[in-house]
């Protein structure tokens, strides 16, 4: 498949690109600064900004799917949806804070949730709500676990829907590398069209 990856120069974007390439896909690597994209076979680097509707539409043209991996704090969701209206399918690197930890209680609303994380987490929650109302778009929103960072590519993890996943010791975590596997699995074999799901150990 031809995958347009917006935010390809970021930590998560790089892992998704690597996973896609390892599976034989072609990647259109889109970033605000294309010089940050490593030149390699199967990758076409494109410089474009989500605020440039025409540039983004041109960048994703012909792609079988679009993967969005950007910060929600800086994202104009309405403008983004307008720019990506030509996408055949949209997969979004989401946040963990909107996952439920108890009936009716999302992680972001728990006592003591850090304000410095809420600055990004609240826009991510609002984006999920808005995207969920976009009935003419085939979207999927993949939330990571709480601790989300570089690590091993194990291929051993669990999937969930809207509830936070934790391991036997109560830790909620997933590596960038295993998250990328879950994202590419969903891209290749869609199971969560117009849904949010999550991945964790």
N, C-alpha and C. Protein backbone atom coordinates (compact mmCIF):
# COMPACT_ATOMS: atom_id res chain seq x y z
N UNK A 1 0.83 -1.20 0.00
CA UNK A 1 0.00 0.00 0.00
C UNK A 1 0.87 1.25 0.00
N UNK A 2 0.27 2.33 -0.41
CA UNK A 2 0.93 3.64 -0.34
C UNK A 2 0.33 4.38 0.86
N UNK A 3 1.19 4.68 1.84
CA UNK A 3 0.74 5.29 3.09
C UNK A 3 1.29 6.71 3.20
N UNK A 4 0.41 7.69 3.36
CA UNK A 4 0.82 9.06 3.61
C UNK A 4 0.92 9.24 5.11
N UNK A 5 2.10 9.54 5.59
CA UNK A 5 2.36 9.65 7.03
C UNK A 5 2.66 11.10 7.38
N UNK A 6 1.72 11.75 8.04
CA UNK A 6 1.88 13.15 8.44
C UNK A 6 2.49 13.20 9.84
N UNK A 7 3.64 13.85 9.95
CA UNK A 7 4.38 13.84 11.20
C UNK A 7 5.44 12.75 11.19
N UNK A 8 5.97 12.47 10.00
CA UNK A 8 6.89 11.35 9.81
C UNK A 8 8.24 11.55 10.49
N UNK A 9 8.58 12.79 10.85
CA UNK A 9 9.88 13.04 11.47
C UNK A 9 9.86 12.92 12.98
N UNK A 10 8.68 12.71 13.57
CA UNK A 10 8.56 12.60 15.02
C UNK A 10 8.93 11.23 15.54
N UNK A 11 8.97 11.09 16.86
CA UNK A 11 9.35 9.82 17.49
C UNK A 11 8.45 8.66 17.08
N UNK A 12 7.15 8.89 17.12
CA UNK A 12 6.21 7.83 16.75
C UNK A 12 6.18 7.66 15.24
N UNK A 13 6.19 8.78 14.52
CA UNK A 13 6.15 8.72 13.07
C UNK A 13 7.29 7.91 12.49
N UNK A 14 8.48 8.06 13.04
CA UNK A 14 9.64 7.31 12.54
C UNK A 14 9.45 5.81 12.73
N UNK A 15 8.87 5.42 13.85
CA UNK A 15 8.65 3.98 14.10
C UNK A 15 7.56 3.43 13.17
N UNK A 16 6.53 4.22 12.93
CA UNK A 16 5.47 3.77 12.02
C UNK A 16 6.02 3.63 10.61
N UNK A 17 6.84 4.58 10.19
CA UNK A 17 7.46 4.50 8.87
C UNK A 17 8.33 3.26 8.75
N UNK A 18 9.13 2.99 9.76
CA UNK A 18 10.02 1.82 9.74
C UNK A 18 9.22 0.53 9.66
N UNK A 19 8.14 0.45 10.45
CA UNK A 19 7.30 -0.75 10.44
C UNK A 19 6.64 -0.92 9.07
N UNK A 20 6.16 0.17 8.51
CA UNK A 20 5.51 0.11 7.19
C UNK A 20 6.49 -0.36 6.12
N UNK A 21 7.69 0.18 6.15
CA UNK A 21 8.71 -0.22 5.16
C UNK A 21 9.09 -1.68 5.31
N UNK A 22 9.18 -2.16 6.54
CA UNK A 22 9.55 -3.56 6.78
C UNK A 22 8.51 -4.52 6.24
N UNK A 23 7.29 -4.02 6.02
CA UNK A 23 6.20 -4.84 5.49
C UNK A 23 6.01 -4.64 3.99
N UNK A 24 6.89 -3.87 3.40
CA UNK A 24 6.84 -3.68 1.96
C UNK A 24 5.95 -2.57 1.46
N UNK A 25 5.49 -1.71 2.35
CA UNK A 25 4.64 -0.59 1.94
C UNK A 25 5.49 0.59 1.46
N UNK A 26 4.87 1.45 0.71
CA UNK A 26 5.50 2.69 0.27
C UNK A 26 5.03 3.80 1.20
N UNK A 27 5.95 4.68 1.60
CA UNK A 27 5.62 5.74 2.55
C UNK A 27 5.84 7.12 1.93
N UNK A 28 4.80 7.93 1.96
CA UNK A 28 4.92 9.35 1.65
C UNK A 28 5.13 10.03 2.99
N UNK A 29 6.37 10.41 3.28
CA UNK A 29 6.72 10.95 4.58
C UNK A 29 6.55 12.47 4.57
N UNK A 30 5.51 12.92 5.26
CA UNK A 30 5.15 14.34 5.25
C UNK A 30 5.58 15.00 6.56
N UNK A 31 6.29 16.11 6.43
CA UNK A 31 6.75 16.85 7.62
C UNK A 31 6.85 18.33 7.28
N UNK A 32 6.82 19.15 8.32
CA UNK A 32 6.97 20.59 8.09
C UNK A 32 8.38 20.92 7.62
N UNK A 33 9.34 20.06 7.98
CA UNK A 33 10.72 20.22 7.52
C UNK A 33 11.16 18.89 6.91
N UNK A 34 11.09 18.79 5.59
CA UNK A 34 11.39 17.53 4.91
C UNK A 34 12.85 17.11 5.06
N UNK A 35 13.73 18.05 5.45
CA UNK A 35 15.14 17.70 5.62
C UNK A 35 15.36 16.75 6.80
N UNK A 36 14.35 16.64 7.65
CA UNK A 36 14.45 15.73 8.80
C UNK A 36 14.07 14.30 8.45
N UNK A 37 13.64 14.07 7.23
CA UNK A 37 13.27 12.73 6.78
C UNK A 37 14.49 12.04 6.18
N UNK A 38 14.85 10.90 6.71
CA UNK A 38 16.00 10.16 6.19
C UNK A 38 15.71 9.61 4.80
N UNK A 39 16.64 9.81 3.89
CA UNK A 39 16.48 9.28 2.53
C UNK A 39 16.70 7.77 2.55
N UNK A 40 15.75 7.02 2.04
CA UNK A 40 15.85 5.57 1.98
C UNK A 40 14.86 5.03 0.96
N UNK A 41 15.11 3.85 0.44
CA UNK A 41 14.20 3.27 -0.56
C UNK A 41 12.79 3.12 0.00
N UNK A 42 11.81 3.45 -0.82
CA UNK A 42 10.42 3.30 -0.41
C UNK A 42 9.83 4.52 0.25
N UNK A 43 10.66 5.55 0.47
CA UNK A 43 10.20 6.76 1.14
C UNK A 43 10.28 7.97 0.20
N UNK A 44 9.18 8.68 0.11
CA UNK A 44 9.15 9.95 -0.62
C UNK A 44 8.91 11.05 0.40
N UNK A 45 9.90 11.91 0.59
CA UNK A 45 9.78 13.00 1.57
C UNK A 45 9.04 14.17 0.95
N UNK A 46 8.06 14.68 1.68
CA UNK A 46 7.26 15.81 1.21
C UNK A 46 7.18 16.86 2.32
N UNK A 47 7.47 18.09 1.99
CA UNK A 47 7.35 19.17 2.97
C UNK A 47 5.98 19.80 2.84
N UNK A 48 5.19 19.71 3.90
CA UNK A 48 3.84 20.27 3.89
C UNK A 48 3.39 20.49 5.32
N UNK A 49 2.49 21.44 5.51
CA UNK A 49 1.96 21.79 6.81
C UNK A 49 0.46 21.58 6.79
N UNK A 50 -0.08 21.07 7.88
CA UNK A 50 -1.52 20.81 7.95
C UNK A 50 -2.35 22.08 7.74
N UNK A 51 -1.75 23.23 7.99
CA UNK A 51 -2.47 24.48 7.79
C UNK A 51 -2.56 24.86 6.31
N UNK A 52 -1.80 24.16 5.48
CA UNK A 52 -1.81 24.39 4.04
C UNK A 52 -2.70 23.34 3.39
N UNK A 53 -3.98 23.65 3.28
CA UNK A 53 -4.96 22.70 2.77
C UNK A 53 -4.58 22.16 1.39
N UNK A 54 -4.17 23.05 0.50
CA UNK A 54 -3.83 22.64 -0.85
C UNK A 54 -2.59 21.74 -0.87
N UNK A 55 -1.58 22.12 -0.09
CA UNK A 55 -0.35 21.34 -0.03
C UNK A 55 -0.57 19.95 0.53
N UNK A 56 -1.39 19.85 1.57
CA UNK A 56 -1.68 18.55 2.17
C UNK A 56 -2.50 17.68 1.21
N UNK A 57 -3.50 18.28 0.57
CA UNK A 57 -4.32 17.53 -0.39
C UNK A 57 -3.46 16.96 -1.50
N UNK A 58 -2.48 17.74 -1.95
CA UNK A 58 -1.58 17.29 -3.00
C UNK A 58 -0.67 16.17 -2.48
N UNK A 59 -0.22 16.30 -1.23
CA UNK A 59 0.71 15.33 -0.65
C UNK A 59 0.07 13.95 -0.45
N UNK A 60 -1.21 13.92 -0.11
CA UNK A 60 -1.87 12.64 0.18
C UNK A 60 -2.55 12.04 -1.05
N UNK A 61 -2.51 12.75 -2.16
CA UNK A 61 -3.18 12.27 -3.36
C UNK A 61 -2.62 10.91 -3.78
N UNK A 62 -3.51 9.97 -4.02
CA UNK A 62 -3.10 8.64 -4.45
C UNK A 62 -2.77 7.69 -3.32
N UNK A 63 -2.78 8.17 -2.06
CA UNK A 63 -2.46 7.30 -0.92
C UNK A 63 -3.65 6.39 -0.60
N UNK A 64 -3.35 5.17 -0.21
CA UNK A 64 -4.40 4.23 0.20
C UNK A 64 -4.90 4.53 1.60
N UNK A 65 -4.05 5.18 2.40
CA UNK A 65 -4.42 5.55 3.77
C UNK A 65 -3.53 6.69 4.22
N UNK A 66 -4.05 7.46 5.18
CA UNK A 66 -3.28 8.55 5.79
C UNK A 66 -3.13 8.23 7.27
N UNK A 67 -1.91 8.35 7.78
CA UNK A 67 -1.65 8.20 9.22
C UNK A 67 -1.24 9.57 9.75
N UNK A 68 -1.92 10.01 10.79
CA UNK A 68 -1.67 11.33 11.37
C UNK A 68 -0.98 11.17 12.72
N UNK A 69 0.23 11.72 12.84
CA UNK A 69 0.99 11.63 14.09
C UNK A 69 1.53 13.01 14.43
N UNK A 70 0.68 13.84 15.04
CA UNK A 70 1.04 15.22 15.37
C UNK A 70 0.55 15.56 16.77
N UNK A 71 1.01 16.68 17.30
CA UNK A 71 0.56 17.14 18.61
C UNK A 71 -0.82 17.79 18.49
N UNK A 72 -1.70 17.41 19.36
CA UNK A 72 -3.06 17.97 19.32
C UNK A 72 -3.11 19.40 19.85
N UNK A 73 -2.17 19.74 20.69
CA UNK A 73 -2.14 21.08 21.27
C UNK A 73 -2.07 22.15 20.18
N UNK A 74 -1.40 21.83 19.10
CA UNK A 74 -1.20 22.79 18.01
C UNK A 74 -2.14 22.54 16.84
N UNK A 75 -3.10 21.64 17.01
CA UNK A 75 -3.91 21.18 15.89
C UNK A 75 -5.28 21.87 15.83
N UNK A 76 -5.59 22.44 14.69
CA UNK A 76 -6.93 22.94 14.40
C UNK A 76 -7.69 21.77 13.78
N UNK A 77 -8.50 21.10 14.58
CA UNK A 77 -9.15 19.86 14.13
C UNK A 77 -10.05 20.09 12.92
N UNK A 78 -10.81 21.17 12.93
CA UNK A 78 -11.70 21.44 11.80
C UNK A 78 -10.92 21.64 10.51
N UNK A 79 -9.83 22.41 10.59
CA UNK A 79 -9.00 22.65 9.41
C UNK A 79 -8.33 21.35 8.97
N UNK A 80 -7.92 20.53 9.94
CA UNK A 80 -7.30 19.25 9.61
C UNK A 80 -8.27 18.35 8.87
N UNK A 81 -9.50 18.24 9.38
CA UNK A 81 -10.50 17.39 8.73
C UNK A 81 -10.82 17.89 7.33
N UNK A 82 -10.83 19.19 7.17
CA UNK A 82 -11.08 19.76 5.85
C UNK A 82 -9.93 19.42 4.90
N UNK A 83 -8.70 19.55 5.39
CA UNK A 83 -7.53 19.27 4.56
C UNK A 83 -7.44 17.80 4.16
N UNK A 84 -7.94 16.92 5.04
CA UNK A 84 -7.83 15.48 4.81
C UNK A 84 -9.12 14.85 4.31
N UNK A 85 -10.05 15.66 3.83
CA UNK A 85 -11.33 15.10 3.40
C UNK A 85 -11.20 14.17 2.21
N UNK A 86 -10.07 14.25 1.49
CA UNK A 86 -9.85 13.36 0.37
C UNK A 86 -9.23 12.03 0.75
N UNK A 87 -8.96 11.82 2.04
CA UNK A 87 -8.32 10.59 2.49
C UNK A 87 -9.28 9.40 2.37
N UNK A 88 -8.79 8.30 1.84
CA UNK A 88 -9.61 7.10 1.75
C UNK A 88 -9.81 6.50 3.14
N UNK A 89 -8.78 6.65 3.97
CA UNK A 89 -8.83 6.15 5.34
C UNK A 89 -7.88 6.97 6.17
N UNK A 90 -8.26 7.28 7.41
CA UNK A 90 -7.43 8.09 8.30
C UNK A 90 -7.20 7.34 9.61
N UNK A 91 -5.93 7.09 9.92
CA UNK A 91 -5.55 6.47 11.19
C UNK A 91 -4.80 7.50 12.01
N UNK A 92 -5.20 7.65 13.27
CA UNK A 92 -4.69 8.75 14.10
C UNK A 92 -3.94 8.22 15.31
N UNK A 93 -2.74 8.76 15.52
CA UNK A 93 -1.98 8.48 16.74
C UNK A 93 -2.62 9.33 17.84
N UNK A 94 -3.35 8.68 18.73
CA UNK A 94 -4.11 9.39 19.74
C UNK A 94 -3.41 9.48 21.07
N UNK A 95 -4.16 9.90 22.09
CA UNK A 95 -3.63 10.01 23.44
C UNK A 95 -4.29 9.01 24.37
N UNK A 96 -3.68 8.83 25.54
CA UNK A 96 -4.18 7.85 26.51
C UNK A 96 -5.15 8.45 27.52
N UNK A 97 -5.12 9.77 27.70
CA UNK A 97 -5.83 10.40 28.81
C UNK A 97 -7.35 10.29 28.72
N UNK A 98 -7.88 10.05 27.52
CA UNK A 98 -9.33 9.93 27.38
C UNK A 98 -9.81 8.50 27.58
N UNK A 99 -8.90 7.58 27.89
CA UNK A 99 -9.31 6.20 28.19
C UNK A 99 -9.98 6.15 29.57
N UNK A 100 -10.88 5.20 29.74
CA UNK A 100 -11.64 5.10 30.99
C UNK A 100 -10.90 4.23 32.01
N UNK A 101 -10.90 4.69 33.24
CA UNK A 101 -10.28 3.94 34.34
C UNK A 101 -11.34 3.39 35.29
N UNK A 102 -12.56 3.84 35.10
CA UNK A 102 -13.73 3.38 35.87
C UNK A 102 -14.96 3.80 35.07
N UNK A 103 -16.12 3.20 35.35
CA UNK A 103 -17.31 3.60 34.60
C UNK A 103 -17.55 5.11 34.66
N UNK A 104 -17.58 5.75 33.50
CA UNK A 104 -17.84 7.18 33.42
C UNK A 104 -16.68 8.08 33.80
N UNK A 105 -15.52 7.50 34.11
CA UNK A 105 -14.37 8.29 34.55
C UNK A 105 -13.17 8.08 33.62
N UNK A 106 -12.80 9.15 32.93
CA UNK A 106 -11.62 9.09 32.07
C UNK A 106 -10.38 9.46 32.86
N UNK A 107 -9.25 8.94 32.43
CA UNK A 107 -7.99 9.16 33.13
C UNK A 107 -7.72 10.64 33.37
N UNK A 108 -7.99 11.47 32.39
CA UNK A 108 -7.71 12.90 32.49
C UNK A 108 -8.50 13.58 33.62
N UNK A 109 -9.64 12.98 34.00
CA UNK A 109 -10.49 13.57 35.03
C UNK A 109 -10.22 13.02 36.43
N UNK A 110 -9.22 12.16 36.56
CA UNK A 110 -8.90 11.60 37.87
C UNK A 110 -8.15 12.64 38.71
N UNK A 111 -8.28 12.51 40.02
CA UNK A 111 -7.62 13.44 40.94
C UNK A 111 -6.11 13.36 40.79
N UNK A 112 -5.50 14.51 40.68
CA UNK A 112 -4.04 14.56 40.59
C UNK A 112 -3.47 14.42 39.19
N UNK A 113 -4.33 14.36 38.18
CA UNK A 113 -3.81 14.28 36.81
C UNK A 113 -3.00 15.55 36.55
N UNK A 114 -1.74 15.41 36.10
CA UNK A 114 -0.83 16.57 35.99
C UNK A 114 -1.31 17.63 34.99
N UNK A 115 -1.27 18.87 35.40
CA UNK A 115 -1.69 19.97 34.54
C UNK A 115 -0.80 20.10 33.31
N UNK A 116 0.50 19.80 33.45
CA UNK A 116 1.41 19.97 32.32
C UNK A 116 1.15 18.93 31.23
N UNK A 117 0.54 17.82 31.59
CA UNK A 117 0.14 16.82 30.60
C UNK A 117 -1.23 17.17 30.02
N UNK A 118 -2.06 17.76 30.84
CA UNK A 118 -3.41 18.12 30.41
C UNK A 118 -3.40 19.11 29.24
N UNK A 119 -2.34 19.89 29.15
CA UNK A 119 -2.21 20.87 28.07
C UNK A 119 -2.29 20.20 26.69
N UNK A 120 -1.76 18.99 26.58
CA UNK A 120 -1.84 18.23 25.34
C UNK A 120 -3.00 17.24 25.37
N UNK A 121 -3.28 16.70 26.57
CA UNK A 121 -4.29 15.65 26.71
C UNK A 121 -5.71 16.14 26.45
N UNK A 122 -6.03 17.34 26.90
CA UNK A 122 -7.39 17.85 26.70
C UNK A 122 -7.68 18.11 25.23
N UNK A 123 -6.79 18.74 24.47
CA UNK A 123 -7.04 18.88 23.04
C UNK A 123 -7.16 17.53 22.32
N UNK A 124 -6.42 16.53 22.79
CA UNK A 124 -6.51 15.20 22.19
C UNK A 124 -7.89 14.59 22.45
N UNK A 125 -8.41 14.79 23.67
CA UNK A 125 -9.75 14.29 23.99
C UNK A 125 -10.80 14.99 23.14
N UNK A 126 -10.69 16.29 23.01
CA UNK A 126 -11.65 17.05 22.22
C UNK A 126 -11.59 16.66 20.75
N UNK A 127 -10.37 16.38 20.26
CA UNK A 127 -10.21 15.96 18.87
C UNK A 127 -10.92 14.64 18.62
N UNK A 128 -10.79 13.69 19.56
CA UNK A 128 -11.47 12.40 19.40
C UNK A 128 -12.97 12.59 19.32
N UNK A 129 -13.52 13.45 20.17
CA UNK A 129 -14.96 13.72 20.15
C UNK A 129 -15.39 14.30 18.81
N UNK A 130 -14.62 15.25 18.32
CA UNK A 130 -14.97 15.89 17.05
C UNK A 130 -14.84 14.93 15.88
N UNK A 131 -13.78 14.15 15.85
CA UNK A 131 -13.57 13.19 14.77
C UNK A 131 -14.66 12.13 14.77
N UNK A 132 -15.12 11.77 15.96
CA UNK A 132 -16.18 10.78 16.08
C UNK A 132 -17.49 11.21 15.46
N UNK A 133 -17.66 12.51 15.27
CA UNK A 133 -18.89 13.02 14.66
C UNK A 133 -18.76 13.13 13.14
N UNK A 134 -17.57 12.82 12.63
CA UNK A 134 -17.32 12.95 11.19
C UNK A 134 -17.74 11.65 10.51
N UNK A 135 -19.01 11.56 10.17
CA UNK A 135 -19.58 10.29 9.70
C UNK A 135 -19.20 9.94 8.26
N UNK A 136 -18.69 10.91 7.52
CA UNK A 136 -18.32 10.64 6.13
C UNK A 136 -16.84 10.30 5.98
N UNK A 137 -16.14 10.10 7.10
CA UNK A 137 -14.72 9.78 7.08
C UNK A 137 -14.48 8.42 7.72
N UNK A 138 -13.71 7.57 7.04
CA UNK A 138 -13.35 6.26 7.59
C UNK A 138 -12.11 6.46 8.46
N UNK A 139 -12.33 6.67 9.77
CA UNK A 139 -11.25 6.99 10.69
C UNK A 139 -11.04 5.90 11.73
N UNK A 140 -9.85 5.86 12.29
CA UNK A 140 -9.52 5.00 13.43
C UNK A 140 -8.56 5.77 14.32
N UNK A 141 -8.80 5.74 15.62
CA UNK A 141 -8.00 6.49 16.59
C UNK A 141 -7.37 5.49 17.54
N UNK A 142 -6.04 5.39 17.53
CA UNK A 142 -5.35 4.40 18.36
C UNK A 142 -4.68 5.09 19.56
N UNK A 143 -5.24 4.82 20.75
CA UNK A 143 -4.67 5.37 21.98
C UNK A 143 -3.57 4.46 22.51
N UNK A 144 -2.43 5.02 22.89
CA UNK A 144 -1.39 4.22 23.53
C UNK A 144 -1.73 4.02 25.00
N UNK A 145 -0.85 3.36 25.72
CA UNK A 145 -0.97 3.27 27.17
C UNK A 145 -0.36 4.53 27.79
N UNK A 146 -0.39 4.63 29.10
CA UNK A 146 0.08 5.84 29.78
C UNK A 146 1.56 6.10 29.51
N UNK A 147 2.40 5.08 29.77
CA UNK A 147 3.84 5.23 29.55
C UNK A 147 4.13 4.77 28.13
N UNK A 148 4.54 5.73 27.30
CA UNK A 148 4.66 5.54 25.87
C UNK A 148 5.99 6.10 25.43
N UNK A 149 6.92 5.23 25.07
CA UNK A 149 8.25 5.71 24.73
C UNK A 149 9.04 4.66 23.98
N UNK A 150 10.31 4.95 23.68
CA UNK A 150 11.14 4.00 22.94
C UNK A 150 11.36 2.72 23.73
N UNK A 151 11.49 1.62 23.01
CA UNK A 151 11.68 0.34 23.68
C UNK A 151 11.88 -0.78 22.68
N UNK A 152 11.48 -1.97 23.06
CA UNK A 152 11.66 -3.13 22.20
C UNK A 152 10.46 -3.35 21.28
N UNK A 153 10.74 -3.99 20.17
CA UNK A 153 9.69 -4.45 19.26
C UNK A 153 9.46 -5.92 19.60
N UNK A 154 8.49 -6.19 20.46
CA UNK A 154 8.25 -7.56 20.92
C UNK A 154 7.15 -8.26 20.14
N UNK A 155 6.18 -7.50 19.66
CA UNK A 155 5.04 -8.10 18.98
C UNK A 155 4.07 -8.76 19.94
N UNK A 156 4.31 -8.59 21.24
CA UNK A 156 3.45 -9.21 22.25
C UNK A 156 2.76 -8.11 23.05
N UNK A 157 1.48 -7.93 22.81
CA UNK A 157 0.72 -6.89 23.49
C UNK A 157 -0.76 -7.24 23.42
N UNK A 158 -1.55 -6.46 24.12
CA UNK A 158 -3.00 -6.66 24.12
C UNK A 158 -3.69 -5.46 23.49
N UNK A 159 -4.85 -5.70 22.93
CA UNK A 159 -5.67 -4.62 22.41
C UNK A 159 -6.90 -4.46 23.27
N UNK A 160 -7.38 -3.23 23.40
CA UNK A 160 -8.61 -2.94 24.12
C UNK A 160 -9.42 -1.93 23.35
N UNK A 161 -10.52 -1.49 23.93
CA UNK A 161 -11.36 -0.51 23.25
C UNK A 161 -11.23 0.86 23.90
N UNK A 162 -12.00 1.11 24.92
CA UNK A 162 -12.01 2.45 25.53
C UNK A 162 -11.49 2.47 26.96
N UNK A 163 -11.08 1.30 27.48
CA UNK A 163 -10.61 1.23 28.85
C UNK A 163 -9.08 1.12 28.88
N UNK A 164 -8.48 1.80 29.84
CA UNK A 164 -7.03 1.79 30.00
C UNK A 164 -6.54 0.37 30.28
N UNK A 165 -5.49 -0.06 29.58
CA UNK A 165 -4.90 -1.37 29.80
C UNK A 165 -3.71 -1.25 30.75
N UNK A 166 -3.60 -2.19 31.69
CA UNK A 166 -2.48 -2.25 32.61
C UNK A 166 -2.00 -3.69 32.70
N UNK A 167 -0.70 -3.87 32.99
CA UNK A 167 -0.18 -5.23 33.13
C UNK A 167 -0.47 -5.79 34.52
N UNK A 168 0.07 -6.97 34.79
CA UNK A 168 -0.21 -7.65 36.06
C UNK A 168 0.29 -6.86 37.26
N UNK A 169 1.26 -5.98 37.04
CA UNK A 169 1.81 -5.17 38.13
C UNK A 169 1.16 -3.80 38.22
N UNK A 170 0.14 -3.59 37.39
CA UNK A 170 -0.59 -2.33 37.44
C UNK A 170 0.00 -1.22 36.59
N UNK A 171 1.03 -1.53 35.80
CA UNK A 171 1.66 -0.51 34.97
C UNK A 171 1.01 -0.48 33.59
N UNK A 172 0.72 0.71 33.11
CA UNK A 172 0.13 0.89 31.79
C UNK A 172 1.21 1.42 30.86
N UNK A 173 1.67 0.55 29.94
CA UNK A 173 2.79 0.97 29.09
C UNK A 173 2.79 0.24 27.75
N UNK A 174 3.44 0.88 26.77
CA UNK A 174 3.63 0.30 25.45
C UNK A 174 4.82 1.03 24.81
N UNK A 175 5.61 0.31 24.05
CA UNK A 175 6.74 0.94 23.36
C UNK A 175 6.27 1.54 22.04
N UNK A 176 7.02 2.53 21.56
CA UNK A 176 6.72 3.08 20.24
C UNK A 176 6.71 1.97 19.19
N UNK A 177 7.67 1.05 19.34
CA UNK A 177 7.86 0.00 18.34
C UNK A 177 6.66 -0.95 18.29
N UNK A 178 6.15 -1.35 19.44
CA UNK A 178 4.98 -2.24 19.45
C UNK A 178 3.71 -1.49 19.07
N UNK A 179 3.64 -0.23 19.44
CA UNK A 179 2.51 0.60 19.00
C UNK A 179 2.46 0.64 17.48
N UNK A 180 3.61 0.78 16.85
CA UNK A 180 3.67 0.82 15.39
C UNK A 180 3.16 -0.48 14.78
N UNK A 181 3.46 -1.60 15.42
CA UNK A 181 2.94 -2.88 14.93
C UNK A 181 1.42 -2.87 14.95
N UNK A 182 0.85 -2.44 16.08
CA UNK A 182 -0.61 -2.40 16.22
C UNK A 182 -1.23 -1.49 15.16
N UNK A 183 -0.58 -0.36 14.89
CA UNK A 183 -1.09 0.57 13.89
C UNK A 183 -1.07 -0.05 12.49
N UNK A 184 0.03 -0.69 12.13
CA UNK A 184 0.13 -1.31 10.81
C UNK A 184 -0.77 -2.52 10.68
N UNK A 185 -0.96 -3.27 11.77
CA UNK A 185 -1.91 -4.39 11.74
C UNK A 185 -3.31 -3.88 11.40
N UNK A 186 -3.68 -2.77 12.03
CA UNK A 186 -5.00 -2.19 11.80
C UNK A 186 -5.11 -1.66 10.37
N UNK A 187 -4.04 -1.10 9.89
CA UNK A 187 -4.05 -0.56 8.53
C UNK A 187 -4.24 -1.68 7.51
N UNK A 188 -3.54 -2.78 7.73
CA UNK A 188 -3.60 -3.90 6.79
C UNK A 188 -4.87 -4.73 6.92
N UNK A 189 -5.34 -4.89 8.15
CA UNK A 189 -6.53 -5.71 8.40
C UNK A 189 -7.49 -4.93 9.31
N UNK A 190 -8.24 -4.01 8.74
CA UNK A 190 -9.10 -3.12 9.54
C UNK A 190 -10.08 -3.87 10.45
N UNK A 191 -10.03 -3.51 11.71
CA UNK A 191 -10.94 -4.09 12.70
C UNK A 191 -11.69 -3.01 13.48
N UNK A 192 -11.26 -1.75 13.34
CA UNK A 192 -11.81 -0.68 14.17
C UNK A 192 -12.18 0.54 13.35
N UNK A 193 -12.90 0.31 12.28
CA UNK A 193 -13.34 1.43 11.45
C UNK A 193 -14.31 2.30 12.23
N UNK A 194 -14.05 3.63 12.23
CA UNK A 194 -14.84 4.62 12.94
C UNK A 194 -14.93 4.31 14.45
N UNK A 195 -13.81 3.86 14.98
CA UNK A 195 -13.72 3.51 16.40
C UNK A 195 -12.37 3.95 16.96
N UNK A 196 -12.33 4.06 18.29
CA UNK A 196 -11.08 4.20 19.02
C UNK A 196 -10.73 2.84 19.61
N UNK A 197 -9.46 2.50 19.59
CA UNK A 197 -9.02 1.32 20.35
C UNK A 197 -7.68 1.64 20.98
N UNK A 198 -7.19 0.75 21.81
CA UNK A 198 -5.95 1.01 22.55
C UNK A 198 -5.07 -0.22 22.55
N UNK A 199 -3.80 -0.01 22.86
CA UNK A 199 -2.82 -1.09 22.89
C UNK A 199 -1.95 -0.96 24.14
N UNK A 200 -1.64 -2.09 24.76
CA UNK A 200 -0.79 -2.08 25.95
C UNK A 200 -0.33 -3.47 26.28
N UNK A 201 0.58 -3.57 27.24
CA UNK A 201 1.12 -4.88 27.65
C UNK A 201 0.23 -5.52 28.69
